[in-house]
Amino acid sequence: MANRTFKVYGQAYAASGDVSVVMTVGGTEVFNGAVNDSSTVRDGQPTVENHLWTYTMDENTTGDLAVSIAVTGGELCLGPTHDNLHYTQIIPESWIAENSATIESAENQTYMATQIGQTLLDAEQAGLYDKLVAGTASNDADGEDIKRANAKGPRSADTFVPINDVRTNLAVTGTPDAPQISEATTSKEKADWWPVLQDGDTLTYTWTYDPDADAF
């Protein structure tokens, strides 16, 4: 069983010393310490994506998770989070683009069947592997199923992508209408919003985490 790694980005500033964070997820403390950079002075809305801290969770962790981020020592602007262990694409886009005009040829269908494999193909559509081997698949009827199977290659620990940071029940130090978060009303805004937290603030929210959901 592996751990998934999360990298939190944003900006922080401390007049002296460091900004520190205590973060808990699902009741478990996942980070406690100084952020990586406390020297970025904010000018208006925060936009600087410095890597602030890293934490890990079991790769099987999903669902509605209670999150708490307590800040001391200065100002923290909470930006996006990236994580790893996402599926990789088996046949690269370069091959697909190069062979787009002849994608339905018997040779290319055999290649796709061999590269993607029966397990992934038949999980999307029963008998799809045999159809490709026989050269009878078509882009119109089967293209989307082939595409989905091709996108489920081995998970990569080295590649990090932005998470779909779905947040509900946001509050700052127990106040759900705190100005740092009150302007975020839609699901996308709540995911993309950069809460600006000051010394002594604690951001809490429910995080609906699905590692295989695309970011907004």
N, C-alpha and C. Protein backbone atom coordinates (compact mmCIF):
# COMPACT_ATOMS: atom_id res chain seq x y z
N MET A 1 0.85 -1.19 0.00
CA MET A 1 0.00 0.00 0.00
C MET A 1 0.89 1.24 0.00
N ALA A 2 0.65 2.17 -0.92
CA ALA A 2 1.51 3.34 -1.08
C ALA A 2 0.84 4.58 -0.50
N ASN A 3 1.65 5.61 -0.31
CA ASN A 3 1.13 6.90 0.10
C ASN A 3 1.06 7.83 -1.10
N ARG A 4 0.00 8.62 -1.16
CA ARG A 4 -0.10 9.67 -2.17
C ARG A 4 0.46 10.95 -1.57
N THR A 5 1.24 11.68 -2.36
CA THR A 5 1.88 12.91 -1.90
C THR A 5 1.12 14.12 -2.40
N PHE A 6 0.94 15.08 -1.51
CA PHE A 6 0.23 16.32 -1.83
C PHE A 6 1.19 17.50 -1.63
N LYS A 7 1.23 18.40 -2.59
CA LYS A 7 2.05 19.61 -2.50
C LYS A 7 1.13 20.82 -2.52
N VAL A 8 1.21 21.64 -1.47
CA VAL A 8 0.35 22.81 -1.34
C VAL A 8 1.12 24.04 -1.80
N TYR A 9 0.46 24.85 -2.64
CA TYR A 9 1.09 26.04 -3.20
C TYR A 9 0.34 27.30 -2.76
N GLY A 10 1.01 28.42 -2.86
CA GLY A 10 0.44 29.70 -2.50
C GLY A 10 1.55 30.65 -2.13
N GLN A 11 1.25 31.60 -1.25
CA GLN A 11 2.28 32.53 -0.81
C GLN A 11 2.08 32.85 0.65
N ALA A 12 3.18 33.20 1.31
CA ALA A 12 3.13 33.49 2.74
C ALA A 12 4.11 34.59 3.06
N TYR A 13 3.80 35.33 4.13
CA TYR A 13 4.71 36.41 4.55
C TYR A 13 4.71 36.53 6.07
N ALA A 14 5.91 36.59 6.62
CA ALA A 14 6.10 36.85 8.05
C ALA A 14 7.07 38.02 8.19
N ALA A 15 6.71 39.01 9.00
CA ALA A 15 7.60 40.15 9.22
C ALA A 15 8.92 39.71 9.83
N SER A 16 8.86 38.66 10.62
CA SER A 16 10.08 38.04 11.16
C SER A 16 9.79 36.57 11.38
N GLY A 17 10.81 35.75 11.25
CA GLY A 17 10.60 34.32 11.42
C GLY A 17 9.83 33.72 10.26
N ASP A 18 9.04 32.71 10.56
CA ASP A 18 8.31 31.96 9.52
C ASP A 18 6.83 31.88 9.82
N VAL A 19 6.06 31.73 8.76
CA VAL A 19 4.66 31.35 8.90
C VAL A 19 4.62 29.84 9.14
N SER A 20 3.84 29.43 10.11
CA SER A 20 3.72 28.00 10.41
C SER A 20 2.28 27.55 10.23
N VAL A 21 2.13 26.27 9.92
CA VAL A 21 0.83 25.68 9.64
C VAL A 21 0.69 24.36 10.39
N VAL A 22 -0.48 24.14 10.93
CA VAL A 22 -0.86 22.82 11.42
C VAL A 22 -2.07 22.40 10.59
N MET A 23 -1.93 21.31 9.86
CA MET A 23 -3.00 20.83 8.99
C MET A 23 -3.44 19.45 9.42
N THR A 24 -4.75 19.28 9.57
CA THR A 24 -5.31 17.96 9.84
C THR A 24 -6.29 17.60 8.74
N VAL A 25 -6.33 16.34 8.38
CA VAL A 25 -7.27 15.84 7.38
C VAL A 25 -7.92 14.59 7.96
N GLY A 26 -9.24 14.60 8.04
CA GLY A 26 -9.94 13.44 8.58
C GLY A 26 -9.55 13.12 10.01
N GLY A 27 -9.22 14.15 10.77
CA GLY A 27 -8.86 13.97 12.17
C GLY A 27 -7.41 13.58 12.41
N THR A 28 -6.62 13.45 11.34
CA THR A 28 -5.21 13.09 11.46
C THR A 28 -4.33 14.27 11.09
N GLU A 29 -3.37 14.59 11.94
CA GLU A 29 -2.43 15.67 11.63
C GLU A 29 -1.49 15.21 10.52
N VAL A 30 -1.50 15.94 9.40
CA VAL A 30 -0.67 15.55 8.26
C VAL A 30 0.53 16.49 8.07
N PHE A 31 0.47 17.67 8.70
CA PHE A 31 1.61 18.60 8.62
C PHE A 31 1.59 19.51 9.83
N ASN A 32 2.81 19.77 10.36
CA ASN A 32 2.96 20.69 11.48
C ASN A 32 4.36 21.29 11.39
N GLY A 33 4.44 22.55 10.96
CA GLY A 33 5.75 23.17 10.85
C GLY A 33 5.72 24.45 10.05
N ALA A 34 6.91 24.99 9.82
CA ALA A 34 7.04 26.22 9.03
C ALA A 34 6.86 25.92 7.56
N VAL A 35 6.24 26.85 6.84
CA VAL A 35 6.12 26.68 5.39
C VAL A 35 7.47 26.97 4.74
N ASN A 36 7.61 26.56 3.48
CA ASN A 36 8.91 26.64 2.82
C ASN A 36 9.36 28.07 2.52
N ASP A 37 8.41 28.99 2.35
CA ASP A 37 8.78 30.37 2.03
C ASP A 37 7.85 31.32 2.76
N SER A 38 8.42 32.26 3.52
CA SER A 38 7.61 33.23 4.26
C SER A 38 8.01 34.66 3.90
N SER A 39 8.49 34.85 2.67
CA SER A 39 9.05 36.15 2.28
C SER A 39 8.27 36.87 1.20
N THR A 40 7.14 36.28 0.73
CA THR A 40 6.41 36.87 -0.39
C THR A 40 5.33 37.83 0.12
N VAL A 41 5.56 39.12 -0.11
CA VAL A 41 4.60 40.14 0.31
C VAL A 41 3.45 40.19 -0.69
N ARG A 42 2.24 40.17 -0.17
CA ARG A 42 1.07 40.20 -1.04
C ARG A 42 0.79 41.61 -1.52
N ASP A 43 0.44 41.74 -2.79
CA ASP A 43 0.02 43.01 -3.37
C ASP A 43 -1.33 42.78 -4.06
N GLY A 44 -2.43 43.06 -3.35
CA GLY A 44 -3.74 42.77 -3.90
C GLY A 44 -4.07 41.30 -3.79
N GLN A 45 -4.81 40.80 -4.78
CA GLN A 45 -5.18 39.39 -4.77
C GLN A 45 -3.93 38.52 -4.93
N PRO A 46 -3.80 37.45 -4.13
CA PRO A 46 -2.61 36.61 -4.24
C PRO A 46 -2.59 35.82 -5.54
N THR A 47 -1.41 35.69 -6.11
CA THR A 47 -1.26 34.95 -7.38
C THR A 47 0.01 34.10 -7.41
N VAL A 48 0.93 34.31 -6.48
CA VAL A 48 2.22 33.62 -6.52
C VAL A 48 2.07 32.19 -6.01
N GLU A 49 2.51 31.23 -6.82
CA GLU A 49 2.38 29.83 -6.45
C GLU A 49 3.72 29.26 -6.01
N ASN A 50 4.13 29.61 -4.80
CA ASN A 50 5.30 28.99 -4.19
C ASN A 50 4.89 27.66 -3.56
N HIS A 51 5.80 26.70 -3.58
CA HIS A 51 5.53 25.43 -2.89
C HIS A 51 5.68 25.68 -1.40
N LEU A 52 4.58 25.56 -0.66
CA LEU A 52 4.60 25.91 0.76
C LEU A 52 4.86 24.72 1.68
N TRP A 53 4.12 23.62 1.48
CA TRP A 53 4.39 22.44 2.29
C TRP A 53 3.90 21.19 1.57
N THR A 54 4.35 20.05 2.07
CA THR A 54 4.03 18.74 1.49
C THR A 54 3.48 17.83 2.58
N TYR A 55 2.52 17.00 2.23
CA TYR A 55 2.05 15.98 3.17
C TYR A 55 1.66 14.74 2.38
N THR A 56 1.45 13.65 3.09
CA THR A 56 1.09 12.38 2.45
C THR A 56 -0.13 11.78 3.13
N MET A 57 -0.88 11.00 2.34
CA MET A 57 -1.98 10.20 2.88
C MET A 57 -2.00 8.87 2.15
N ASP A 58 -2.61 7.88 2.78
CA ASP A 58 -2.76 6.58 2.14
C ASP A 58 -3.45 6.75 0.80
N GLU A 59 -2.98 6.05 -0.21
CA GLU A 59 -3.51 6.21 -1.57
C GLU A 59 -4.99 5.84 -1.68
N ASN A 60 -5.52 5.09 -0.73
CA ASN A 60 -6.92 4.69 -0.77
C ASN A 60 -7.85 5.69 -0.08
N THR A 61 -7.30 6.79 0.41
CA THR A 61 -8.11 7.79 1.09
C THR A 61 -8.94 8.58 0.08
N THR A 62 -10.25 8.57 0.23
CA THR A 62 -11.16 9.31 -0.65
C THR A 62 -12.36 9.76 0.17
N GLY A 63 -13.24 10.52 -0.47
CA GLY A 63 -14.52 10.85 0.15
C GLY A 63 -14.53 12.18 0.86
N ASP A 64 -15.50 12.37 1.75
CA ASP A 64 -15.67 13.62 2.48
C ASP A 64 -14.75 13.63 3.70
N LEU A 65 -13.79 14.54 3.67
CA LEU A 65 -12.76 14.60 4.70
C LEU A 65 -12.80 15.96 5.39
N ALA A 66 -12.81 15.96 6.71
CA ALA A 66 -12.78 17.21 7.47
C ALA A 66 -11.35 17.75 7.47
N VAL A 67 -11.18 19.01 7.02
CA VAL A 67 -9.86 19.63 6.92
C VAL A 67 -9.78 20.83 7.85
N SER A 68 -8.64 20.97 8.51
CA SER A 68 -8.36 22.13 9.34
C SER A 68 -6.95 22.62 9.03
N ILE A 69 -6.82 23.93 8.77
CA ILE A 69 -5.51 24.54 8.51
C ILE A 69 -5.37 25.73 9.43
N ALA A 70 -4.53 25.59 10.46
CA ALA A 70 -4.31 26.65 11.44
C ALA A 70 -3.01 27.37 11.12
N VAL A 71 -3.04 28.70 11.15
CA VAL A 71 -1.91 29.53 10.73
C VAL A 71 -1.40 30.37 11.90
N THR A 72 -0.09 30.42 12.07
CA THR A 72 0.53 31.30 13.04
C THR A 72 1.78 31.93 12.42
N GLY A 73 2.13 33.11 12.95
CA GLY A 73 3.39 33.74 12.56
C GLY A 73 3.32 34.74 11.44
N GLY A 74 2.18 34.85 10.76
CA GLY A 74 2.09 35.79 9.64
C GLY A 74 0.89 35.49 8.77
N GLU A 75 1.00 35.88 7.51
CA GLU A 75 -0.10 35.73 6.55
C GLU A 75 0.15 34.55 5.62
N LEU A 76 -0.92 33.78 5.40
CA LEU A 76 -0.86 32.64 4.48
C LEU A 76 -1.96 32.79 3.44
N CYS A 77 -1.58 32.73 2.16
CA CYS A 77 -2.54 32.75 1.06
C CYS A 77 -2.57 31.34 0.48
N LEU A 78 -3.68 30.65 0.69
CA LEU A 78 -3.77 29.24 0.34
C LEU A 78 -4.18 29.07 -1.12
N GLY A 79 -3.26 28.59 -1.94
CA GLY A 79 -3.51 28.38 -3.35
C GLY A 79 -3.82 26.93 -3.67
N PRO A 80 -3.46 26.49 -4.87
CA PRO A 80 -3.83 25.13 -5.31
C PRO A 80 -2.99 24.05 -4.65
N THR A 81 -3.51 22.84 -4.69
CA THR A 81 -2.80 21.65 -4.24
C THR A 81 -2.63 20.70 -5.43
N HIS A 82 -1.44 20.12 -5.55
CA HIS A 82 -1.18 19.12 -6.58
C HIS A 82 -0.92 17.78 -5.90
N ASP A 83 -1.29 16.69 -6.57
CA ASP A 83 -0.98 15.38 -6.01
C ASP A 83 -0.51 14.43 -7.10
N ASN A 84 -0.01 13.28 -6.68
CA ASN A 84 0.53 12.29 -7.62
C ASN A 84 -0.30 11.02 -7.60
N LEU A 85 0.27 9.97 -8.15
CA LEU A 85 -0.38 8.65 -8.27
C LEU A 85 -1.64 8.72 -9.12
N HIS A 86 -1.55 9.47 -10.22
CA HIS A 86 -2.64 9.49 -11.18
C HIS A 86 -2.35 8.50 -12.31
N TYR A 87 -3.42 8.06 -12.98
CA TYR A 87 -3.24 7.19 -14.13
C TYR A 87 -2.39 7.89 -15.19
N THR A 88 -1.66 7.11 -15.95
CA THR A 88 -0.90 7.64 -17.07
C THR A 88 -1.50 7.14 -18.38
N GLN A 89 -1.18 7.83 -19.46
CA GLN A 89 -1.69 7.42 -20.77
C GLN A 89 -0.74 6.39 -21.37
N ILE A 90 -1.29 5.29 -21.84
CA ILE A 90 -0.46 4.18 -22.33
C ILE A 90 0.10 4.49 -23.72
N ILE A 91 -0.78 4.71 -24.68
CA ILE A 91 -0.34 5.10 -26.03
C ILE A 91 -0.29 6.62 -26.05
N PRO A 92 0.85 7.22 -26.35
CA PRO A 92 0.98 8.68 -26.25
C PRO A 92 0.19 9.42 -27.32
N GLU A 93 -0.12 10.67 -27.02
CA GLU A 93 -0.85 11.51 -27.97
C GLU A 93 -0.10 11.66 -29.28
N SER A 94 1.21 11.63 -29.22
CA SER A 94 2.01 11.79 -30.44
C SER A 94 1.72 10.67 -31.44
N TRP A 95 1.59 9.43 -30.93
CA TRP A 95 1.26 8.31 -31.82
C TRP A 95 -0.15 8.45 -32.38
N ILE A 96 -1.08 8.84 -31.53
CA ILE A 96 -2.47 9.01 -31.97
C ILE A 96 -2.57 10.07 -33.06
N ALA A 97 -1.87 11.20 -32.86
CA ALA A 97 -1.89 12.27 -33.86
C ALA A 97 -1.25 11.82 -35.17
N GLU A 98 -0.14 11.10 -35.06
CA GLU A 98 0.59 10.65 -36.24
C GLU A 98 -0.21 9.65 -37.05
N ASN A 99 -1.06 8.87 -36.38
CA ASN A 99 -1.81 7.80 -37.06
C ASN A 99 -3.31 8.10 -37.16
N SER A 100 -3.68 9.34 -36.97
CA SER A 100 -5.11 9.68 -36.95
C SER A 100 -5.82 9.34 -38.27
N ALA A 101 -5.11 9.48 -39.38
CA ALA A 101 -5.75 9.23 -40.68
C ALA A 101 -5.98 7.74 -40.93
N THR A 102 -5.20 6.90 -40.28
CA THR A 102 -5.32 5.45 -40.50
C THR A 102 -5.62 4.71 -39.20
N ILE A 103 -6.26 5.41 -38.25
CA ILE A 103 -6.46 4.83 -36.92
C ILE A 103 -7.28 3.55 -36.96
N GLU A 104 -8.14 3.38 -37.98
CA GLU A 104 -8.98 2.20 -38.05
C GLU A 104 -8.37 1.06 -38.87
N SER A 105 -7.13 1.23 -39.30
CA SER A 105 -6.51 0.14 -40.05
C SER A 105 -6.31 -1.07 -39.16
N ALA A 106 -6.28 -2.26 -39.77
CA ALA A 106 -6.12 -3.49 -39.00
C ALA A 106 -4.82 -3.47 -38.21
N GLU A 107 -3.77 -2.92 -38.82
CA GLU A 107 -2.46 -2.86 -38.15
C GLU A 107 -2.53 -2.00 -36.90
N ASN A 108 -3.17 -0.82 -37.01
CA ASN A 108 -3.26 0.07 -35.87
C ASN A 108 -4.18 -0.48 -34.79
N GLN A 109 -5.23 -1.16 -35.19
CA GLN A 109 -6.12 -1.76 -34.19
C GLN A 109 -5.40 -2.85 -33.41
N THR A 110 -4.60 -3.64 -34.09
CA THR A 110 -3.83 -4.67 -33.40
C THR A 110 -2.83 -4.03 -32.43
N TYR A 111 -2.21 -2.96 -32.87
CA TYR A 111 -1.25 -2.25 -32.01
C TYR A 111 -1.94 -1.74 -30.75
N MET A 112 -3.11 -1.12 -30.91
CA MET A 112 -3.82 -0.58 -29.75
C MET A 112 -4.23 -1.70 -28.80
N ALA A 113 -4.69 -2.81 -29.34
CA ALA A 113 -5.08 -3.95 -28.50
C ALA A 113 -3.89 -4.46 -27.70
N THR A 114 -2.74 -4.57 -28.37
CA THR A 114 -1.54 -5.10 -27.71
C THR A 114 -1.04 -4.16 -26.64
N GLN A 115 -1.03 -2.86 -26.93
CA GLN A 115 -0.49 -1.89 -25.99
C GLN A 115 -1.39 -1.69 -24.77
N ILE A 116 -2.69 -1.58 -25.00
CA ILE A 116 -3.61 -1.29 -23.90
C ILE A 116 -3.94 -2.55 -23.11
N GLY A 117 -4.15 -3.65 -23.79
CA GLY A 117 -4.39 -4.92 -23.12
C GLY A 117 -5.87 -5.22 -22.93
N GLN A 118 -6.16 -6.51 -22.81
CA GLN A 118 -7.54 -6.97 -22.76
C GLN A 118 -8.27 -6.52 -21.50
N THR A 119 -7.60 -6.53 -20.37
CA THR A 119 -8.27 -6.20 -19.11
C THR A 119 -8.86 -4.80 -19.13
N LEU A 120 -8.05 -3.82 -19.53
CA LEU A 120 -8.52 -2.44 -19.54
C LEU A 120 -9.57 -2.21 -20.62
N LEU A 121 -9.35 -2.79 -21.79
CA LEU A 121 -10.29 -2.58 -22.89
C LEU A 121 -11.65 -3.19 -22.60
N ASP A 122 -11.67 -4.43 -22.13
CA ASP A 122 -12.94 -5.10 -21.87
C ASP A 122 -13.65 -4.53 -20.65
N ALA A 123 -12.90 -3.85 -19.75
CA ALA A 123 -13.55 -3.19 -18.62
C ALA A 123 -14.41 -2.02 -19.08
N GLU A 124 -14.02 -1.43 -20.22
CA GLU A 124 -14.81 -0.32 -20.77
C GLU A 124 -15.94 -0.82 -21.66
N GLN A 125 -15.70 -1.91 -22.37
CA GLN A 125 -16.72 -2.47 -23.26
C GLN A 125 -16.43 -3.96 -23.45
N ALA A 126 -17.33 -4.78 -23.06
CA ALA A 126 -17.13 -6.23 -23.20
C ALA A 126 -16.83 -6.59 -24.65
N GLY A 127 -15.74 -7.35 -24.84
CA GLY A 127 -15.38 -7.80 -26.18
C GLY A 127 -14.61 -6.79 -27.01
N LEU A 128 -14.25 -5.65 -26.42
CA LEU A 128 -13.56 -4.61 -27.20
C LEU A 128 -12.16 -5.07 -27.63
N TYR A 129 -11.48 -5.80 -26.78
CA TYR A 129 -10.15 -6.29 -27.14
C TYR A 129 -10.22 -7.18 -28.38
N ASP A 130 -11.15 -8.14 -28.38
CA ASP A 130 -11.29 -9.04 -29.53
C ASP A 130 -11.70 -8.28 -30.79
N LYS A 131 -12.51 -7.25 -30.61
CA LYS A 131 -12.92 -6.45 -31.76
C LYS A 131 -11.71 -5.75 -32.39
N LEU A 132 -10.82 -5.23 -31.55
CA LEU A 132 -9.61 -4.58 -32.08
C LEU A 132 -8.69 -5.60 -32.75
N VAL A 133 -8.53 -6.75 -32.11
CA VAL A 133 -7.67 -7.79 -32.69
C VAL A 133 -8.19 -8.22 -34.06
N ALA A 134 -9.52 -8.27 -34.18
CA ALA A 134 -10.13 -8.66 -35.45
C ALA A 134 -10.15 -7.53 -36.46
N GLY A 135 -9.83 -6.31 -36.01
CA GLY A 135 -9.83 -5.17 -36.91
C GLY A 135 -11.21 -4.66 -37.25
N THR A 136 -12.20 -4.92 -36.39
CA THR A 136 -13.59 -4.52 -36.69
C THR A 136 -14.08 -3.37 -35.83
N ALA A 137 -13.21 -2.80 -35.00
CA ALA A 137 -13.63 -1.65 -34.20
C ALA A 137 -13.70 -0.41 -35.09
N SER A 138 -14.48 0.56 -34.67
CA SER A 138 -14.56 1.82 -35.41
C SER A 138 -14.41 2.98 -34.44
N ASN A 139 -13.89 4.08 -34.96
CA ASN A 139 -13.69 5.25 -34.12
C ASN A 139 -15.03 5.80 -33.61
N ASP A 140 -16.04 5.80 -34.46
CA ASP A 140 -17.35 6.33 -34.07
C ASP A 140 -17.97 5.51 -32.95
N ALA A 141 -17.95 4.20 -33.10
CA ALA A 141 -18.64 3.33 -32.14
C ALA A 141 -17.81 3.05 -30.89
N ASP A 142 -16.49 3.00 -31.06
CA ASP A 142 -15.65 2.49 -29.98
C ASP A 142 -14.56 3.46 -29.52
N GLY A 143 -14.43 4.59 -30.19
CA GLY A 143 -13.32 5.50 -29.91
C GLY A 143 -13.27 5.98 -28.47
N GLU A 144 -14.43 6.34 -27.90
CA GLU A 144 -14.44 6.85 -26.53
C GLU A 144 -14.05 5.77 -25.52
N ASP A 145 -14.49 4.53 -25.76
CA ASP A 145 -14.13 3.44 -24.85
C ASP A 145 -12.64 3.14 -24.94
N ILE A 146 -12.09 3.19 -26.14
CA ILE A 146 -10.65 2.97 -26.30
C ILE A 146 -9.88 4.08 -25.60
N LYS A 147 -10.34 5.30 -25.76
CA LYS A 147 -9.68 6.45 -25.14
C LYS A 147 -9.66 6.32 -23.62
N ARG A 148 -10.80 5.92 -23.04
CA ARG A 148 -10.86 5.78 -21.58
C ARG A 148 -9.93 4.67 -21.09
N ALA A 149 -9.90 3.55 -21.82
CA ALA A 149 -9.00 2.46 -21.44
C ALA A 149 -7.55 2.88 -21.54
N ASN A 150 -7.23 3.62 -22.60
CA ASN A 150 -5.86 4.07 -22.81
C ASN A 150 -5.40 5.04 -21.73
N ALA A 151 -6.34 5.74 -21.11
CA ALA A 151 -6.00 6.74 -20.09
C ALA A 151 -5.80 6.12 -18.71
N LYS A 152 -5.89 4.80 -18.59
CA LYS A 152 -5.78 4.14 -17.29
C LYS A 152 -4.54 3.29 -17.18
N GLY A 153 -3.42 3.87 -17.65
CA GLY A 153 -2.14 3.19 -17.50
C GLY A 153 -1.64 3.26 -16.07
N PRO A 154 -0.48 2.68 -15.78
CA PRO A 154 0.05 2.64 -14.41
C PRO A 154 0.11 4.02 -13.78
N ARG A 155 -0.22 4.08 -12.49
CA ARG A 155 -0.17 5.35 -11.77
C ARG A 155 1.28 5.80 -11.59
N SER A 156 1.49 7.10 -11.70
CA SER A 156 2.84 7.65 -11.63
C SER A 156 3.07 8.38 -10.31
N ALA A 157 4.16 8.04 -9.64
CA ALA A 157 4.54 8.76 -8.42
C ALA A 157 5.32 10.02 -8.73
N ASP A 158 5.76 10.17 -9.98
CA ASP A 158 6.64 11.28 -10.34
C ASP A 158 5.90 12.48 -10.93
N THR A 159 4.67 12.26 -11.41
CA THR A 159 3.92 13.33 -12.06
C THR A 159 2.86 13.87 -11.11
N PHE A 160 2.86 15.20 -10.92
CA PHE A 160 1.90 15.86 -10.05
C PHE A 160 0.96 16.72 -10.88
N VAL A 161 -0.33 16.67 -10.56
CA VAL A 161 -1.33 17.47 -11.28
C VAL A 161 -2.23 18.16 -10.25
N PRO A 162 -2.87 19.27 -10.63
CA PRO A 162 -3.78 19.95 -9.69
C PRO A 162 -4.96 19.06 -9.33
N ILE A 163 -5.36 19.11 -8.07
CA ILE A 163 -6.50 18.31 -7.63
C ILE A 163 -7.80 19.10 -7.85
N ASN A 164 -8.90 18.36 -7.93
CA ASN A 164 -10.22 18.96 -7.97
C ASN A 164 -10.63 19.22 -6.52
N ASP A 165 -10.30 20.42 -6.03
CA ASP A 165 -10.37 20.73 -4.61
C ASP A 165 -11.79 21.14 -4.21
N VAL A 166 -12.72 20.18 -4.19
CA VAL A 166 -14.11 20.48 -3.87
C VAL A 166 -14.25 20.72 -2.37
N ARG A 167 -14.68 21.94 -2.02
CA ARG A 167 -14.79 22.33 -0.61
C ARG A 167 -16.22 22.76 -0.29
N THR A 168 -16.72 22.31 0.85
CA THR A 168 -18.01 22.79 1.37
C THR A 168 -17.84 23.10 2.84
N ASN A 169 -18.84 23.76 3.41
CA ASN A 169 -18.84 24.09 4.84
C ASN A 169 -17.60 24.88 5.26
N LEU A 170 -17.20 25.82 4.41
CA LEU A 170 -16.02 26.61 4.73
C LEU A 170 -16.29 27.55 5.90
N ALA A 171 -15.29 27.72 6.75
CA ALA A 171 -15.35 28.68 7.84
C ALA A 171 -13.93 29.10 8.21
N VAL A 172 -13.79 30.32 8.69
CA VAL A 172 -12.51 30.80 9.20
C VAL A 172 -12.69 31.07 10.68
N THR A 173 -11.97 30.31 11.49
CA THR A 173 -12.07 30.40 12.95
C THR A 173 -13.53 30.35 13.39
N GLY A 174 -14.27 29.42 12.78
CA GLY A 174 -15.65 29.17 13.15
C GLY A 174 -16.67 30.08 12.52
N THR A 175 -16.24 31.00 11.66
CA THR A 175 -17.16 31.96 11.05
C THR A 175 -17.37 31.63 9.58
N PRO A 176 -18.56 31.13 9.20
CA PRO A 176 -18.79 30.73 7.80
C PRO A 176 -18.91 31.89 6.84
N ASP A 177 -19.21 33.09 7.35
CA ASP A 177 -19.32 34.25 6.46
C ASP A 177 -18.13 35.19 6.60
N ALA A 178 -16.99 34.63 6.99
CA ALA A 178 -15.76 35.44 7.08
C ALA A 178 -15.43 36.03 5.71
N PRO A 179 -14.94 37.27 5.66
CA PRO A 179 -14.72 37.93 4.37
C PRO A 179 -13.74 37.20 3.46
N GLN A 180 -12.82 36.42 4.04
CA GLN A 180 -11.85 35.71 3.20
C GLN A 180 -12.48 34.65 2.31
N ILE A 181 -13.67 34.18 2.68
CA ILE A 181 -14.28 33.07 1.94
C ILE A 181 -15.70 33.36 1.48
N SER A 182 -16.33 34.43 1.98
CA SER A 182 -17.75 34.63 1.74
C SER A 182 -18.08 34.93 0.29
N GLU A 183 -17.11 35.44 -0.47
CA GLU A 183 -17.37 35.75 -1.87
C GLU A 183 -17.33 34.52 -2.77
N ALA A 184 -16.85 33.43 -2.25
CA ALA A 184 -16.83 32.18 -3.03
C ALA A 184 -18.16 31.47 -2.81
N THR A 185 -18.99 31.42 -3.85
CA THR A 185 -20.32 30.84 -3.71
C THR A 185 -20.53 29.58 -4.54
N THR A 186 -19.98 29.53 -5.75
CA THR A 186 -20.16 28.34 -6.59
C THR A 186 -19.11 27.29 -6.23
N SER A 187 -19.37 26.06 -6.69
CA SER A 187 -18.41 24.97 -6.43
C SER A 187 -17.04 25.30 -7.01
N LYS A 188 -17.02 25.88 -8.21
CA LYS A 188 -15.74 26.21 -8.84
C LYS A 188 -15.02 27.29 -8.06
N GLU A 189 -15.76 28.30 -7.61
CA GLU A 189 -15.13 29.37 -6.83
C GLU A 189 -14.56 28.83 -5.52
N LYS A 190 -15.30 27.94 -4.88
CA LYS A 190 -14.81 27.38 -3.62
C LYS A 190 -13.57 26.53 -3.83
N ALA A 191 -13.46 25.92 -5.01
CA ALA A 191 -12.27 25.11 -5.32
C ALA A 191 -11.08 25.99 -5.69
N ASP A 192 -11.34 27.08 -6.42
CA ASP A 192 -10.26 27.92 -6.93
C ASP A 192 -9.87 29.06 -5.99
N TRP A 193 -10.72 29.38 -5.03
CA TRP A 193 -10.52 30.55 -4.19
C TRP A 193 -9.24 30.44 -3.36
N TRP A 194 -8.54 31.55 -3.23
CA TRP A 194 -7.34 31.60 -2.40
C TRP A 194 -7.68 32.30 -1.08
N PRO A 195 -8.06 31.58 -0.04
CA PRO A 195 -8.31 32.24 1.25
C PRO A 195 -7.04 32.89 1.79
N VAL A 196 -7.17 34.12 2.26
CA VAL A 196 -6.04 34.83 2.86
C VAL A 196 -6.20 34.75 4.38
N LEU A 197 -5.32 34.01 5.01
CA LEU A 197 -5.41 33.73 6.44
C LEU A 197 -4.33 34.50 7.20
N GLN A 198 -4.71 35.05 8.33
CA GLN A 198 -3.78 35.81 9.16
C GLN A 198 -3.37 35.00 10.39
N ASP A 199 -2.37 35.52 11.08
CA ASP A 199 -1.88 34.89 12.31
C ASP A 199 -3.05 34.61 13.26
N GLY A 200 -3.23 33.36 13.63
CA GLY A 200 -4.31 32.98 14.54
C GLY A 200 -5.55 32.45 13.85
N ASP A 201 -5.63 32.59 12.52
CA ASP A 201 -6.79 32.08 11.79
C ASP A 201 -6.71 30.56 11.61
N THR A 202 -7.88 29.93 11.58
CA THR A 202 -7.99 28.51 11.25
C THR A 202 -9.06 28.34 10.19
N LEU A 203 -8.67 27.83 9.04
CA LEU A 203 -9.61 27.52 7.97
C LEU A 203 -10.09 26.09 8.14
N THR A 204 -11.41 25.90 8.11
CA THR A 204 -11.96 24.55 8.17
C THR A 204 -12.93 24.37 7.01
N TYR A 205 -13.01 23.15 6.51
CA TYR A 205 -13.96 22.84 5.45
C TYR A 205 -14.06 21.32 5.29
N THR A 206 -15.09 20.90 4.57
CA THR A 206 -15.22 19.50 4.19
C THR A 206 -14.69 19.35 2.78
N TRP A 207 -13.75 18.45 2.62
CA TRP A 207 -13.08 18.23 1.33
C TRP A 207 -13.61 16.93 0.73
N THR A 208 -14.29 17.05 -0.40
CA THR A 208 -14.75 15.86 -1.12
C THR A 208 -13.65 15.47 -2.10
N TYR A 209 -12.88 14.47 -1.73
CA TYR A 209 -11.68 14.14 -2.50
C TYR A 209 -11.88 12.90 -3.35
N ASP A 210 -11.70 13.08 -4.65
CA ASP A 210 -11.70 11.98 -5.62
C ASP A 210 -10.44 12.12 -6.44
N PRO A 211 -9.44 11.25 -6.23
CA PRO A 211 -8.16 11.42 -6.91
C PRO A 211 -8.23 11.32 -8.42
N ASP A 212 -9.29 10.72 -8.94
CA ASP A 212 -9.38 10.55 -10.40
C ASP A 212 -10.34 11.53 -11.05
N ALA A 213 -10.83 12.51 -10.28
CA ALA A 213 -11.66 13.56 -10.87
C ALA A 213 -10.76 14.65 -11.44
N ASP A 214 -11.08 15.13 -12.64
CA ASP A 214 -10.31 16.20 -13.23
C ASP A 214 -10.52 17.49 -12.47
N ALA A 215 -9.46 18.31 -12.40
CA ALA A 215 -9.58 19.61 -11.77
C ALA A 215 -10.50 20.51 -12.60
N PHE A 216 -11.10 21.49 -11.92
CA PHE A 216 -11.97 22.44 -12.61
C PHE A 216 -11.19 23.18 -13.68
